[in-house]
């Protein structure tokens, strides 16, 4: 199985029950941002210290309100959150599947705080081999610290996945070298995330940008297919320019100290106090590529992989494609590359 069987079954049961109830907008994954790192406009250490934080109780209330089977803790560096150990345990004890998104540098120092639950994943962001990653982050030595954290987590029996941002100028051979290095220490899976510039683009500029990105993802599909890629095949088709998907940002909402990011983390037009209000009050038809100039550069997994998982813009055979993809993968495994004639 590409993902653990429990996660697959829980997600399938959840989606089936929501669809049988006739729900139209179904949240797939909740992102908790307890320190406000994803949507904050603050800069500098002093401002960060003054930034309001969510309590564990507020996080659990949001989780109950948006009752998804999968939860991610994100925003800046979640391992700096003072109550990260308690928050993690509370989420896991409620039977949720949890991804803790981190740069990896604090894993060794926090490892003793979290037992290796089978529904817990360390999600470590690594954008290339040591020289490339350190240059991207502008933090010399961060790759070595992250790799030490990954090794420690694997030795302690945790699931570990790596997320790599693909830029328009990314060297996919370097990413392949990174994955070979991570495979040697038994990393369980790999997620690919497209870079989307914050600046607004006109349609022509966005078209040129997306063509570069599509080329990068065509290269990624060729060079990285032997690894346990956790990015769905339908979303990859979209990223390669082979199909269209509608943005479903409501399916992957983010909750932080100011409330629910509206309409999504990337735009941050405002905040809603309740998830129900976010869904009902947002004019979703005004957002997405072709609908809003600020959406033109975006191919975010929060909007578009969510659409793939929910079966939006379906094509014949999509269901069986997803089933085959799930069954053909294997946590920590590497398949033999198919030789082209």
C-alpha atoms as a PDB file:
ATOM      1  CA  UNK A   1       0.000   0.000   0.000  1.00  0.00           C
ATOM      2  CA  UNK A   2       1.219   3.478  -0.842  1.00  0.00           C
ATOM      3  CA  UNK A   3      -0.264   4.873   2.407  1.00  0.00           C
ATOM      4  CA  UNK A   4      -0.955   2.877   5.602  1.00  0.00           C
ATOM      5  CA  UNK A   5      -4.096   0.769   5.251  1.00  0.00           C
ATOM      6  CA  UNK A   6      -5.757   2.458   8.231  1.00  0.00           C
ATOM      7  CA  UNK A   7      -5.461   5.895   6.660  1.00  0.00           C
ATOM      8  CA  UNK A   8      -6.838   4.639   3.338  1.00  0.00           C
ATOM      9  CA  UNK A   9      -9.835   2.877   4.926  1.00  0.00           C
ATOM     10  CA  UNK A  10     -10.673   5.737   7.285  1.00  0.00           C
ATOM     11  CA  UNK A  11     -10.528   8.259   4.430  1.00  0.00           C
ATOM     12  CA  UNK A  12     -12.639   6.067   2.146  1.00  0.00           C
ATOM     13  CA  UNK A  13     -15.302   5.506   4.806  1.00  0.00           C
ATOM     14  CA  UNK A  14     -15.379   9.209   5.605  1.00  0.00           C
ATOM     15  CA  UNK A  15     -15.767  10.321   1.978  1.00  0.00           C
ATOM     16  CA  UNK A  16     -18.391   7.665   1.274  1.00  0.00           C
ATOM     17  CA  UNK A  17     -20.487   8.646   4.301  1.00  0.00           C
ATOM     18  CA  UNK A  18     -20.324  12.365   3.464  1.00  0.00           C
ATOM     19  CA  UNK A  19     -21.292  11.769  -0.159  1.00  0.00           C
ATOM     20  CA  UNK A  20     -24.183   9.478   0.858  1.00  0.00           C
ATOM     21  CA  UNK A  21     -25.441  12.303   3.068  1.00  0.00           C
ATOM     22  CA  UNK A  22     -25.484  14.522  -0.015  1.00  0.00           C
ATOM     23  CA  UNK A  23     -22.749  16.903   1.154  1.00  0.00           C
ATOM     24  CA  UNK A  24     -21.379  19.023  -1.673  1.00  0.00           C
ATOM     25  CA  UNK A  25     -18.348  20.647  -0.032  1.00  0.00           C
ATOM     26  CA  UNK A  26     -16.434  18.013   1.915  1.00  0.00           C
ATOM     27  CA  UNK A  27     -13.284  18.932   3.856  1.00  0.00           C
ATOM     28  CA  UNK A  28     -10.535  16.352   3.293  1.00  0.00           C
ATOM     29  CA  UNK A  29      -7.727  17.592   5.551  1.00  0.00           C
ATOM     30  CA  UNK A  30      -7.580  20.211   8.284  1.00  0.00           C
ATOM     31  CA  UNK A  31      -4.395  22.282   8.658  1.00  0.00           C
ATOM     32  CA  UNK A  32      -3.773  23.683  12.137  1.00  0.00           C
ATOM     33  CA  UNK A  33      -1.464  26.688  12.373  1.00  0.00           C
ATOM     34  CA  UNK A  34      -1.151  27.167  16.159  1.00  0.00           C
ATOM     35  CA  UNK A  35       1.481  29.921  15.971  1.00  0.00           C
ATOM     36  CA  UNK A  36       0.027  31.833  13.020  1.00  0.00           C
ATOM     37  CA  UNK A  37       3.066  31.277  10.805  1.00  0.00           C
ATOM     38  CA  UNK A  38       1.135  30.582   7.594  1.00  0.00           C
ATOM     39  CA  UNK A  39      -0.930  33.763   7.494  1.00  0.00           C
ATOM     40  CA  UNK A  40       1.020  36.203   9.649  1.00  0.00           C
ATOM     41  CA  UNK A  41       2.384  39.390   8.126  1.00  0.00           C
ATOM     42  CA  UNK A  42       4.784  39.823  11.050  1.00  0.00           C
ATOM     43  CA  UNK A  43       8.521  39.820  10.505  1.00  0.00           C
ATOM     44  CA  UNK A  44      11.390  39.516  12.935  1.00  0.00           C
ATOM     45  CA  UNK A  45      11.853  37.745  16.242  1.00  0.00           C
ATOM     46  CA  UNK A  46      10.219  40.448  18.390  1.00  0.00           C
ATOM     47  CA  UNK A  47       7.026  40.423  16.345  1.00  0.00           C
ATOM     48  CA  UNK A  48       7.001  36.608  16.345  1.00  0.00           C
ATOM     49  CA  UNK A  49       7.154  36.588  20.163  1.00  0.00           C
ATOM     50  CA  UNK A  50       4.153  38.935  20.345  1.00  0.00           C
ATOM     51  CA  UNK A  51       2.155  36.930  17.843  1.00  0.00           C
ATOM     52  CA  UNK A  52      -0.955  35.336  19.401  1.00  0.00           C
ATOM     53  CA  UNK A  53      -1.049  31.563  19.543  1.00  0.00           C
ATOM     54  CA  UNK A  54      -3.849  29.030  19.595  1.00  0.00           C
ATOM     55  CA  UNK A  55      -4.406  27.049  22.767  1.00  0.00           C
ATOM     56  CA  UNK A  56      -4.651  23.280  22.589  1.00  0.00           C
ATOM     57  CA  UNK A  57      -8.350  23.635  23.395  1.00  0.00           C
ATOM     58  CA  UNK A  58      -8.900  25.963  20.435  1.00  0.00           C
ATOM     59  CA  UNK A  59      -7.105  23.527  18.123  1.00  0.00           C
ATOM     60  CA  UNK A  60      -9.261  20.628  19.313  1.00  0.00           C
ATOM     61  CA  UNK A  61     -12.428  22.705  18.948  1.00  0.00           C
ATOM     62  CA  UNK A  62     -11.509  23.515  15.327  1.00  0.00           C
ATOM     63  CA  UNK A  63     -10.783  19.841  14.737  1.00  0.00           C
ATOM     64  CA  UNK A  64     -14.242  18.920  16.066  1.00  0.00           C
ATOM     65  CA  UNK A  65     -15.857  21.620  13.940  1.00  0.00           C
ATOM     66  CA  UNK A  66     -14.136  20.432  10.749  1.00  0.00           C
ATOM     67  CA  UNK A  67     -14.185  16.716  11.447  1.00  0.00           C
ATOM     68  CA  UNK A  68     -11.702  15.420   8.877  1.00  0.00           C
ATOM     69  CA  UNK A  69      -9.858  12.101   9.265  1.00  0.00           C
ATOM     70  CA  UNK A  70      -6.511  13.764   8.429  1.00  0.00           C
ATOM     71  CA  UNK A  71      -4.948  16.686  10.295  1.00  0.00           C
ATOM     72  CA  UNK A  72      -1.718  18.570   9.566  1.00  0.00           C
ATOM     73  CA  UNK A  73       0.110  20.810  12.006  1.00  0.00           C
ATOM     74  CA  UNK A  74       1.935  23.484  10.036  1.00  0.00           C
ATOM     75  CA  UNK A  75       2.933  27.136  10.089  1.00  0.00           C
ATOM     76  CA  UNK A  76       6.519  28.295  10.469  1.00  0.00           C
ATOM     77  CA  UNK A  77       8.116  25.629  12.658  1.00  0.00           C
ATOM     78  CA  UNK A  78       5.423  23.794  14.690  1.00  0.00           C
ATOM     79  CA  UNK A  79       8.029  22.161  16.928  1.00  0.00           C
ATOM     80  CA  UNK A  80       8.577  25.602  18.470  1.00  0.00           C
ATOM     81  CA  UNK A  81       4.963  25.612  19.682  1.00  0.00           C
ATOM     82  CA  UNK A  82       5.187  25.294  23.496  1.00  0.00           C
ATOM     83  CA  UNK A  83       2.413  22.681  23.753  1.00  0.00           C
ATOM     84  CA  UNK A  84       3.279  20.658  20.659  1.00  0.00           C
ATOM     85  CA  UNK A  85       3.635  17.393  22.613  1.00  0.00           C
ATOM     86  CA  UNK A  86       0.225  17.707  24.262  1.00  0.00           C
ATOM     87  CA  UNK A  87      -1.473  18.856  21.047  1.00  0.00           C
ATOM     88  CA  UNK A  88      -0.005  15.943  19.114  1.00  0.00           C
ATOM     89  CA  UNK A  89      -1.084  13.374  21.691  1.00  0.00           C
ATOM     90  CA  UNK A  90      -4.611  14.813  21.947  1.00  0.00           C
ATOM     91  CA  UNK A  91      -5.074  14.632  18.167  1.00  0.00           C
ATOM     92  CA  UNK A  92      -3.707  11.098  17.885  1.00  0.00           C
ATOM     93  CA  UNK A  93      -5.758   9.822  20.813  1.00  0.00           C
ATOM     94  CA  UNK A  94      -8.871  10.952  18.932  1.00  0.00           C
ATOM     95  CA  UNK A  95      -7.979   8.561  16.127  1.00  0.00           C
ATOM     96  CA  UNK A  96      -6.905  11.169  13.582  1.00  0.00           C
ATOM     97  CA  UNK A  97      -4.085  10.653  11.098  1.00  0.00           C
ATOM     98  CA  UNK A  98      -1.573  13.402  11.775  1.00  0.00           C
ATOM     99  CA  UNK A  99       1.151  14.944   9.613  1.00  0.00           C
ATOM    100  CA  UNK A 100       3.520  17.236  11.502  1.00  0.00           C
ATOM    101  CA  UNK A 101       5.158  19.542   8.946  1.00  0.00           C
ATOM    102  CA  UNK A 102       8.670  20.596   9.944  1.00  0.00           C
ATOM    103  CA  UNK A 103      12.021  21.681   8.535  1.00  0.00           C
ATOM    104  CA  UNK A 104      13.495  18.776  10.511  1.00  0.00           C
ATOM    105  CA  UNK A 105      16.057  20.696  12.551  1.00  0.00           C
ATOM    106  CA  UNK A 106      14.297  20.185  15.898  1.00  0.00           C
ATOM    107  CA  UNK A 107      13.230  16.566  15.487  1.00  0.00           C
ATOM    108  CA  UNK A 108      16.095  15.138  17.563  1.00  0.00           C
ATOM    109  CA  UNK A 109      15.314  17.468  20.479  1.00  0.00           C
ATOM    110  CA  UNK A 110      11.563  16.769  20.386  1.00  0.00           C
ATOM    111  CA  UNK A 111      11.589  13.080  19.493  1.00  0.00           C
ATOM    112  CA  UNK A 112      11.124  11.872  23.075  1.00  0.00           C
ATOM    113  CA  UNK A 113       7.911  13.905  23.408  1.00  0.00           C
ATOM    114  CA  UNK A 114       5.881  11.906  20.862  1.00  0.00           C
ATOM    115  CA  UNK A 115       5.541   8.089  20.817  1.00  0.00           C
ATOM    116  CA  UNK A 116       5.709   6.468  17.350  1.00  0.00           C
ATOM    117  CA  UNK A 117       1.971   6.074  16.716  1.00  0.00           C
ATOM    118  CA  UNK A 118       1.048   4.233  13.512  1.00  0.00           C
ATOM    119  CA  UNK A 119      -1.173   7.194  12.504  1.00  0.00           C
ATOM    120  CA  UNK A 120       1.563   9.800  12.920  1.00  0.00           C
ATOM    121  CA  UNK A 121       3.894  11.100  10.197  1.00  0.00           C
ATOM    122  CA  UNK A 122       6.837  13.433  10.360  1.00  0.00           C
ATOM    123  CA  UNK A 123       6.588  15.503   7.172  1.00  0.00           C
ATOM    124  CA  UNK A 124      10.018  17.029   6.526  1.00  0.00           C
ATOM    125  CA  UNK A 125      10.502  19.730   3.898  1.00  0.00           C
ATOM    126  CA  UNK A 126      13.595  19.106   1.768  1.00  0.00           C
ATOM    127  CA  UNK A 127      13.978  20.913  -1.564  1.00  0.00           C
ATOM    128  CA  UNK A 128      17.142  19.245  -2.852  1.00  0.00           C
ATOM    129  CA  UNK A 129      20.495  17.851  -1.855  1.00  0.00           C
ATOM    130  CA  UNK A 130      22.572  19.685   0.744  1.00  0.00           C
ATOM    131  CA  UNK A 131      23.932  22.521  -1.400  1.00  0.00           C
ATOM    132  CA  UNK A 132      20.590  23.176  -3.123  1.00  0.00           C
ATOM    133  CA  UNK A 133      18.466  22.989   0.014  1.00  0.00           C
ATOM    134  CA  UNK A 134      20.765  25.203   2.049  1.00  0.00           C
ATOM    135  CA  UNK A 135      20.763  27.754  -0.774  1.00  0.00           C
ATOM    136  CA  UNK A 136      16.966  27.701  -1.091  1.00  0.00           C
ATOM    137  CA  UNK A 137      16.509  28.230   2.643  1.00  0.00           C
ATOM    138  CA  UNK A 138      19.457  30.669   2.980  1.00  0.00           C
ATOM    139  CA  UNK A 139      20.426  28.745   6.121  1.00  0.00           C
ATOM    140  CA  UNK A 140      23.785  26.949   5.817  1.00  0.00           C
ATOM    141  CA  UNK A 141      23.805  23.653   7.682  1.00  0.00           C
ATOM    142  CA  UNK A 142      20.029  23.237   7.807  1.00  0.00           C
ATOM    143  CA  UNK A 143      20.080  20.184   5.504  1.00  0.00           C
ATOM    144  CA  UNK A 144      22.538  18.291   7.706  1.00  0.00           C
ATOM    145  CA  UNK A 145      20.421  19.006  10.806  1.00  0.00           C
ATOM    146  CA  UNK A 146      17.259  17.914   9.018  1.00  0.00           C
ATOM    147  CA  UNK A 147      18.879  14.704   7.788  1.00  0.00           C
ATOM    148  CA  UNK A 148      20.012  13.884  11.337  1.00  0.00           C
ATOM    149  CA  UNK A 149      16.428  14.405  12.460  1.00  0.00           C
ATOM    150  CA  UNK A 150      15.082  12.103   9.746  1.00  0.00           C
ATOM    151  CA  UNK A 151      17.566   9.377  10.692  1.00  0.00           C
ATOM    152  CA  UNK A 152      16.663   9.696  14.369  1.00  0.00           C
ATOM    153  CA  UNK A 153      12.938   9.477  13.624  1.00  0.00           C
ATOM    154  CA  UNK A 154      13.352   6.409  11.429  1.00  0.00           C
ATOM    155  CA  UNK A 155      15.568   4.701  14.020  1.00  0.00           C
ATOM    156  CA  UNK A 156      12.856   5.365  16.619  1.00  0.00           C
ATOM    157  CA  UNK A 157      10.221   3.637  14.466  1.00  0.00           C
ATOM    158  CA  UNK A 158       8.323   6.629  13.056  1.00  0.00           C
ATOM    159  CA  UNK A 159       6.806   7.086   9.627  1.00  0.00           C
ATOM    160  CA  UNK A 160       8.696   9.857   7.816  1.00  0.00           C
ATOM    161  CA  UNK A 161       7.771  11.495   4.515  1.00  0.00           C
ATOM    162  CA  UNK A 162       9.595  14.236   2.646  1.00  0.00           C
ATOM    163  CA  UNK A 163       7.936  17.138   0.843  1.00  0.00           C
ATOM    164  CA  UNK A 164       9.835  18.808  -1.983  1.00  0.00           C
ATOM    165  CA  UNK A 165       8.800  22.093  -3.567  1.00  0.00           C
ATOM    166  CA  UNK A 166       9.300  22.070  -7.317  1.00  0.00           C
ATOM    167  CA  UNK A 167      10.338  25.455  -8.728  1.00  0.00           C
ATOM    168  CA  UNK A 168      10.351  26.541 -12.359  1.00  0.00           C
ATOM    169  CA  UNK A 169      14.173  26.340 -12.252  1.00  0.00           C
ATOM    170  CA  UNK A 170      14.425  23.114 -10.203  1.00  0.00           C
ATOM    171  CA  UNK A 171      17.006  20.550 -11.288  1.00  0.00           C
ATOM    172  CA  UNK A 172      15.052  17.292 -11.149  1.00  0.00           C
ATOM    173  CA  UNK A 173      18.259  15.250 -11.318  1.00  0.00           C
ATOM    174  CA  UNK A 174      19.209  16.856  -8.019  1.00  0.00           C
ATOM    175  CA  UNK A 175      15.801  15.903  -6.560  1.00  0.00           C
ATOM    176  CA  UNK A 176      16.366  12.334  -7.768  1.00  0.00           C
ATOM    177  CA  UNK A 177      19.742  12.338  -5.977  1.00  0.00           C
ATOM    178  CA  UNK A 178      18.013  13.586  -2.828  1.00  0.00           C
ATOM    179  CA  UNK A 179      15.441  10.792  -2.986  1.00  0.00           C
ATOM    180  CA  UNK A 180      18.159   8.189  -3.501  1.00  0.00           C
ATOM    181  CA  UNK A 181      19.830   9.512  -0.353  1.00  0.00           C
ATOM    182  CA  UNK A 182      16.566   9.464   1.595  1.00  0.00           C
ATOM    183  CA  UNK A 183      15.659   6.010   0.326  1.00  0.00           C
ATOM    184  CA  UNK A 184      18.921   4.696   1.789  1.00  0.00           C
ATOM    185  CA  UNK A 185      17.706   5.713   5.258  1.00  0.00           C
ATOM    186  CA  UNK A 186      14.240   4.215   4.631  1.00  0.00           C
ATOM    187  CA  UNK A 187      12.089   7.327   4.254  1.00  0.00           C
ATOM    188  CA  UNK A 188       8.533   6.099   3.677  1.00  0.00           C
ATOM    189  CA  UNK A 189       7.218   8.394   0.962  1.00  0.00           C
ATOM    190  CA  UNK A 190       7.654  11.590  -1.019  1.00  0.00           C
ATOM    191  CA  UNK A 191       5.336  14.500  -1.758  1.00  0.00           C
ATOM    192  CA  UNK A 192       5.813  16.994  -4.590  1.00  0.00           C
ATOM    193  CA  UNK A 193       4.487  20.524  -4.155  1.00  0.00           C
ATOM    194  CA  UNK A 194       4.466  23.191  -6.893  1.00  0.00           C
ATOM    195  CA  UNK A 195       5.943  26.601  -6.179  1.00  0.00           C
ATOM    196  CA  UNK A 196       3.524  29.463  -6.748  1.00  0.00           C
ATOM    197  CA  UNK A 197       4.858  33.048  -6.707  1.00  0.00           C
ATOM    198  CA  UNK A 198       3.125  35.456  -4.352  1.00  0.00           C
ATOM    199  CA  UNK A 199       3.066  38.237  -6.931  1.00  0.00           C
ATOM    200  CA  UNK A 200       0.041  38.770  -9.139  1.00  0.00           C
ATOM    201  CA  UNK A 201       0.411  37.681 -12.779  1.00  0.00           C
ATOM    202  CA  UNK A 202      -1.494  38.504 -15.906  1.00  0.00           C
ATOM    203  CA  UNK A 203      -2.786  35.521 -17.856  1.00  0.00           C
ATOM    204  CA  UNK A 204       0.039  35.606 -20.422  1.00  0.00           C
ATOM    205  CA  UNK A 205       2.750  35.693 -17.754  1.00  0.00           C
ATOM    206  CA  UNK A 206       0.960  32.971 -15.816  1.00  0.00           C
ATOM    207  CA  UNK A 207       0.713  30.817 -18.954  1.00  0.00           C
ATOM    208  CA  UNK A 208       4.483  31.039 -19.520  1.00  0.00           C
ATOM    209  CA  UNK A 209       5.143  30.273 -15.854  1.00  0.00           C
ATOM    210  CA  UNK A 210       2.839  27.244 -15.857  1.00  0.00           C
ATOM    211  CA  UNK A 211       4.416  25.865 -19.022  1.00  0.00           C
ATOM    212  CA  UNK A 212       7.797  25.870 -17.259  1.00  0.00           C
ATOM    213  CA  UNK A 213       6.220  24.188 -14.254  1.00  0.00           C
ATOM    214  CA  UNK A 214       4.541  21.554 -16.421  1.00  0.00           C
ATOM    215  CA  UNK A 215       7.890  20.704 -17.941  1.00  0.00           C
ATOM    216  CA  UNK A 216       9.389  20.290 -14.459  1.00  0.00           C
ATOM    217  CA  UNK A 217       6.592  17.915 -13.466  1.00  0.00           C
ATOM    218  CA  UNK A 218       6.954  15.926 -16.675  1.00  0.00           C
ATOM    219  CA  UNK A 219      10.605  15.487 -15.732  1.00  0.00           C
ATOM    220  CA  UNK A 220       9.601  14.592 -12.171  1.00  0.00           C
ATOM    221  CA  UNK A 221       7.206  11.908 -13.386  1.00  0.00           C
ATOM    222  CA  UNK A 222       9.978  10.372 -15.465  1.00  0.00           C
ATOM    223  CA  UNK A 223      12.809  10.553 -12.928  1.00  0.00           C
ATOM    224  CA  UNK A 224      10.978   9.888  -9.651  1.00  0.00           C
ATOM    225  CA  UNK A 225       8.312   7.338 -10.536  1.00  0.00           C
ATOM    226  CA  UNK A 226      10.248   4.454  -8.948  1.00  0.00           C
ATOM    227  CA  UNK A 227       9.876   6.027  -5.491  1.00  0.00           C
ATOM    228  CA  UNK A 228       6.784   5.919  -3.289  1.00  0.00           C
ATOM    229  CA  UNK A 229       5.317   9.199  -4.517  1.00  0.00           C
ATOM    230  CA  UNK A 230       2.390  10.266  -2.350  1.00  0.00           C
ATOM    231  CA  UNK A 231       1.147  12.843  -4.843  1.00  0.00           C
ATOM    232  CA  UNK A 232      -1.964  11.449  -6.520  1.00  0.00           C
ATOM    233  CA  UNK A 233      -1.762  10.510 -10.228  1.00  0.00           C
ATOM    234  CA  UNK A 234      -4.716  12.752 -11.124  1.00  0.00           C
ATOM    235  CA  UNK A 235      -3.087  15.776  -9.488  1.00  0.00           C
ATOM    236  CA  UNK A 236       0.166  14.931 -11.286  1.00  0.00           C
ATOM    237  CA  UNK A 237      -1.720  14.862 -14.577  1.00  0.00           C
ATOM    238  CA  UNK A 238      -2.983  18.339 -13.783  1.00  0.00           C
ATOM    239  CA  UNK A 239       0.519  19.539 -12.903  1.00  0.00           C
ATOM    240  CA  UNK A 240       1.835  18.130 -16.200  1.00  0.00           C
ATOM    241  CA  UNK A 241      -0.894  19.996 -18.114  1.00  0.00           C
ATOM    242  CA  UNK A 242      -2.761  16.857 -19.183  1.00  0.00           C
ATOM    243  CA  UNK A 243      -6.132  17.735 -17.616  1.00  0.00           C
ATOM    244  CA  UNK A 244      -7.991  20.531 -15.843  1.00  0.00           C
ATOM    245  CA  UNK A 245      -9.171  20.658 -12.250  1.00  0.00           C
ATOM    246  CA  UNK A 246     -11.238  23.206 -10.350  1.00  0.00           C
ATOM    247  CA  UNK A 247      -9.811  24.687  -7.164  1.00  0.00           C
ATOM    248  CA  UNK A 248     -11.443  23.195  -4.057  1.00  0.00           C
ATOM    249  CA  UNK A 249      -9.653  25.177  -1.350  1.00  0.00           C
ATOM    250  CA  UNK A 250     -12.634  24.663   0.971  1.00  0.00           C
ATOM    251  CA  UNK A 251     -11.592  20.990   1.140  1.00  0.00           C
ATOM    252  CA  UNK A 252      -8.265  21.764   2.822  1.00  0.00           C
ATOM    253  CA  UNK A 253      -8.951  24.659   5.212  1.00  0.00           C
ATOM    254  CA  UNK A 254      -6.444  26.278   7.537  1.00  0.00           C
ATOM    255  CA  UNK A 255      -7.225  27.395  11.079  1.00  0.00           C
ATOM    256  CA  UNK A 256      -4.949  29.800  12.949  1.00  0.00           C
ATOM    257  CA  UNK A 257      -5.080  32.368  15.765  1.00  0.00           C
ATOM    258  CA  UNK A 258      -7.233  34.733  13.670  1.00  0.00           C
ATOM    259  CA  UNK A 259      -9.694  32.055  12.602  1.00  0.00           C
ATOM    260  CA  UNK A 260     -10.314  30.203   9.344  1.00  0.00           C
ATOM    261  CA  UNK A 261      -8.256  31.649   6.464  1.00  0.00           C
ATOM    262  CA  UNK A 262     -10.677  32.936   3.826  1.00  0.00           C
ATOM    263  CA  UNK A 263     -10.842  31.867   1.120  1.00  0.00           C
ATOM    264  CA  UNK A 264      -7.465  30.119   1.481  1.00  0.00           C
ATOM    265  CA  UNK A 265      -3.981  30.480   2.918  1.00  0.00           C
ATOM    266  CA  UNK A 266      -2.510  31.871  -0.303  1.00  0.00           C
ATOM    267  CA  UNK A 267      -4.938  34.770  -0.639  1.00  0.00           C
ATOM    268  CA  UNK A 268      -5.780  35.570   3.001  1.00  0.00           C
ATOM    269  CA  UNK A 269      -8.511  38.079   2.188  1.00  0.00           C
ATOM    270  CA  UNK A 270      -9.794  37.696   5.722  1.00  0.00           C
ATOM    271  CA  UNK A 271     -10.848  35.223   8.374  1.00  0.00           C
ATOM    272  CA  UNK A 272     -14.050  33.528   9.450  1.00  0.00           C
ATOM    273  CA  UNK A 273     -14.825  32.461  12.993  1.00  0.00           C
ATOM    274  CA  UNK A 274     -16.441  29.176  11.947  1.00  0.00           C
ATOM    275  CA  UNK A 275     -15.724  26.665   9.193  1.00  0.00           C
ATOM    276  CA  UNK A 276     -19.425  26.623   8.279  1.00  0.00           C
ATOM    277  CA  UNK A 277     -19.284  30.387   7.734  1.00  0.00           C
ATOM    278  CA  UNK A 278     -16.172  30.007   5.575  1.00  0.00           C
ATOM    279  CA  UNK A 279     -17.975  27.553   3.315  1.00  0.00           C
ATOM    280  CA  UNK A 280     -21.310  29.348   3.160  1.00  0.00           C
ATOM    281  CA  UNK A 281     -20.212  32.997   2.979  1.00  0.00           C
ATOM    282  CA  UNK A 282     -17.353  32.696   0.488  1.00  0.00           C
ATOM    283  CA  UNK A 283     -18.231  33.330  -3.165  1.00  0.00           C
ATOM    284  CA  UNK A 284     -16.168  30.361  -4.358  1.00  0.00           C
ATOM    285  CA  UNK A 285     -17.062  31.015  -8.001  1.00  0.00           C
ATOM    286  CA  UNK A 286     -14.839  34.118  -7.812  1.00  0.00           C
ATOM    287  CA  UNK A 287     -11.697  32.136  -7.014  1.00  0.00           C
ATOM    288  CA  UNK A 288      -9.471  29.817  -8.993  1.00  0.00           C
ATOM    289  CA  UNK A 289      -7.406  30.168 -12.130  1.00  0.00           C
ATOM    290  CA  UNK A 290      -9.290  32.119 -14.761  1.00  0.00           C
ATOM    291  CA  UNK A 291     -11.510  33.655 -12.082  1.00  0.00           C
ATOM    292  CA  UNK A 292      -9.159  35.825 -10.042  1.00  0.00           C
ATOM    293  CA  UNK A 293      -5.834  37.419 -11.101  1.00  0.00           C
ATOM    294  CA  UNK A 294      -4.226  36.515  -7.768  1.00  0.00           C
ATOM    295  CA  UNK A 295      -5.095  32.864  -8.388  1.00  0.00           C
ATOM    296  CA  UNK A 296      -3.319  32.679 -11.765  1.00  0.00           C
ATOM    297  CA  UNK A 297       0.119  31.486 -10.515  1.00  0.00           C
ATOM    298  CA  UNK A 298      -1.367  28.922  -8.119  1.00  0.00           C
ATOM    299  CA  UNK A 299      -1.517  25.139  -8.496  1.00  0.00           C
ATOM    300  CA  UNK A 300      -1.592  24.484  -4.772  1.00  0.00           C
ATOM    301  CA  UNK A 301      -2.231  20.973  -3.483  1.00  0.00           C
ATOM    302  CA  UNK A 302      -4.672  22.536  -0.987  1.00  0.00           C
ATOM    303  CA  UNK A 303      -6.941  23.486  -3.871  1.00  0.00           C
ATOM    304  CA  UNK A 304      -6.149  21.135  -6.709  1.00  0.00           C
ATOM    305  CA  UNK A 305      -5.044  17.868  -5.133  1.00  0.00           C
ATOM    306  CA  UNK A 306      -8.115  18.192  -2.947  1.00  0.00           C
ATOM    307  CA  UNK A 307     -10.145  18.364  -6.170  1.00  0.00           C
ATOM    308  CA  UNK A 308      -8.411  15.208  -7.421  1.00  0.00           C
ATOM    309  CA  UNK A 309      -9.147  13.317  -4.202  1.00  0.00           C
ATOM    310  CA  UNK A 310     -12.789  14.405  -4.212  1.00  0.00           C
ATOM    311  CA  UNK A 311     -13.292  13.291  -7.821  1.00  0.00           C
ATOM    312  CA  UNK A 312     -13.967  16.741  -9.248  1.00  0.00           C
ATOM    313  CA  UNK A 313     -13.761  17.158 -13.054  1.00  0.00           C
ATOM    314  CA  UNK A 314     -13.857  13.353 -13.411  1.00  0.00           C
ATOM    315  CA  UNK A 315     -12.744  11.310 -16.384  1.00  0.00           C
ATOM    316  CA  UNK A 316     -13.577   7.714 -17.182  1.00  0.00           C
ATOM    317  CA  UNK A 317     -11.283   5.328 -15.325  1.00  0.00           C
ATOM    318  CA  UNK A 318     -10.217   7.775 -12.604  1.00  0.00           C
ATOM    319  CA  UNK A 319     -11.483   5.551  -9.780  1.00  0.00           C
ATOM    320  CA  UNK A 320      -9.534   2.499 -10.946  1.00  0.00           C
ATOM    321  CA  UNK A 321      -6.493   4.661 -11.633  1.00  0.00           C
ATOM    322  CA  UNK A 322      -6.515   5.772  -7.989  1.00  0.00           C
ATOM    323  CA  UNK A 323      -7.031   2.195  -6.747  1.00  0.00           C
ATOM    324  CA  UNK A 324      -4.142   0.890  -8.844  1.00  0.00           C
ATOM    325  CA  UNK A 325      -1.905   3.753  -7.699  1.00  0.00           C
ATOM    326  CA  UNK A 326      -2.650   3.002  -4.068  1.00  0.00           C
ATOM    327  CA  UNK A 327      -2.024  -0.737  -4.421  1.00  0.00           C
ATOM    328  CA  UNK A 328       1.156  -0.388  -6.496  1.00  0.00           C
ATOM    329  CA  UNK A 329       2.949   1.718  -3.899  1.00  0.00           C
ATOM    330  CA  UNK A 330       4.780   0.589  -0.799  1.00  0.00           C
ATOM    331  CA  UNK A 331       5.924   2.547   2.235  1.00  0.00           C
ATOM    332  CA  UNK A 332       9.690   2.865   2.030  1.00  0.00           C
ATOM    333  CA  UNK A 333       9.867   0.713  -1.084  1.00  0.00           C
ATOM    334  CA  UNK A 334      11.445   1.465  -4.428  1.00  0.00           C
ATOM    335  CA  UNK A 335      10.101  -0.139  -7.583  1.00  0.00           C
ATOM    336  CA  UNK A 336      12.236  -1.219 -10.482  1.00  0.00           C
ATOM    337  CA  UNK A 337      12.229   1.414 -13.175  1.00  0.00           C
ATOM    338  CA  UNK A 338      10.361   0.309 -16.274  1.00  0.00           C
ATOM    339  CA  UNK A 339      12.810   0.269 -19.162  1.00  0.00           C
ATOM    340  CA  UNK A 340      11.619   2.222 -22.156  1.00  0.00           C
ATOM    341  CA  UNK A 341      11.914   0.441 -25.503  1.00  0.00           C
END
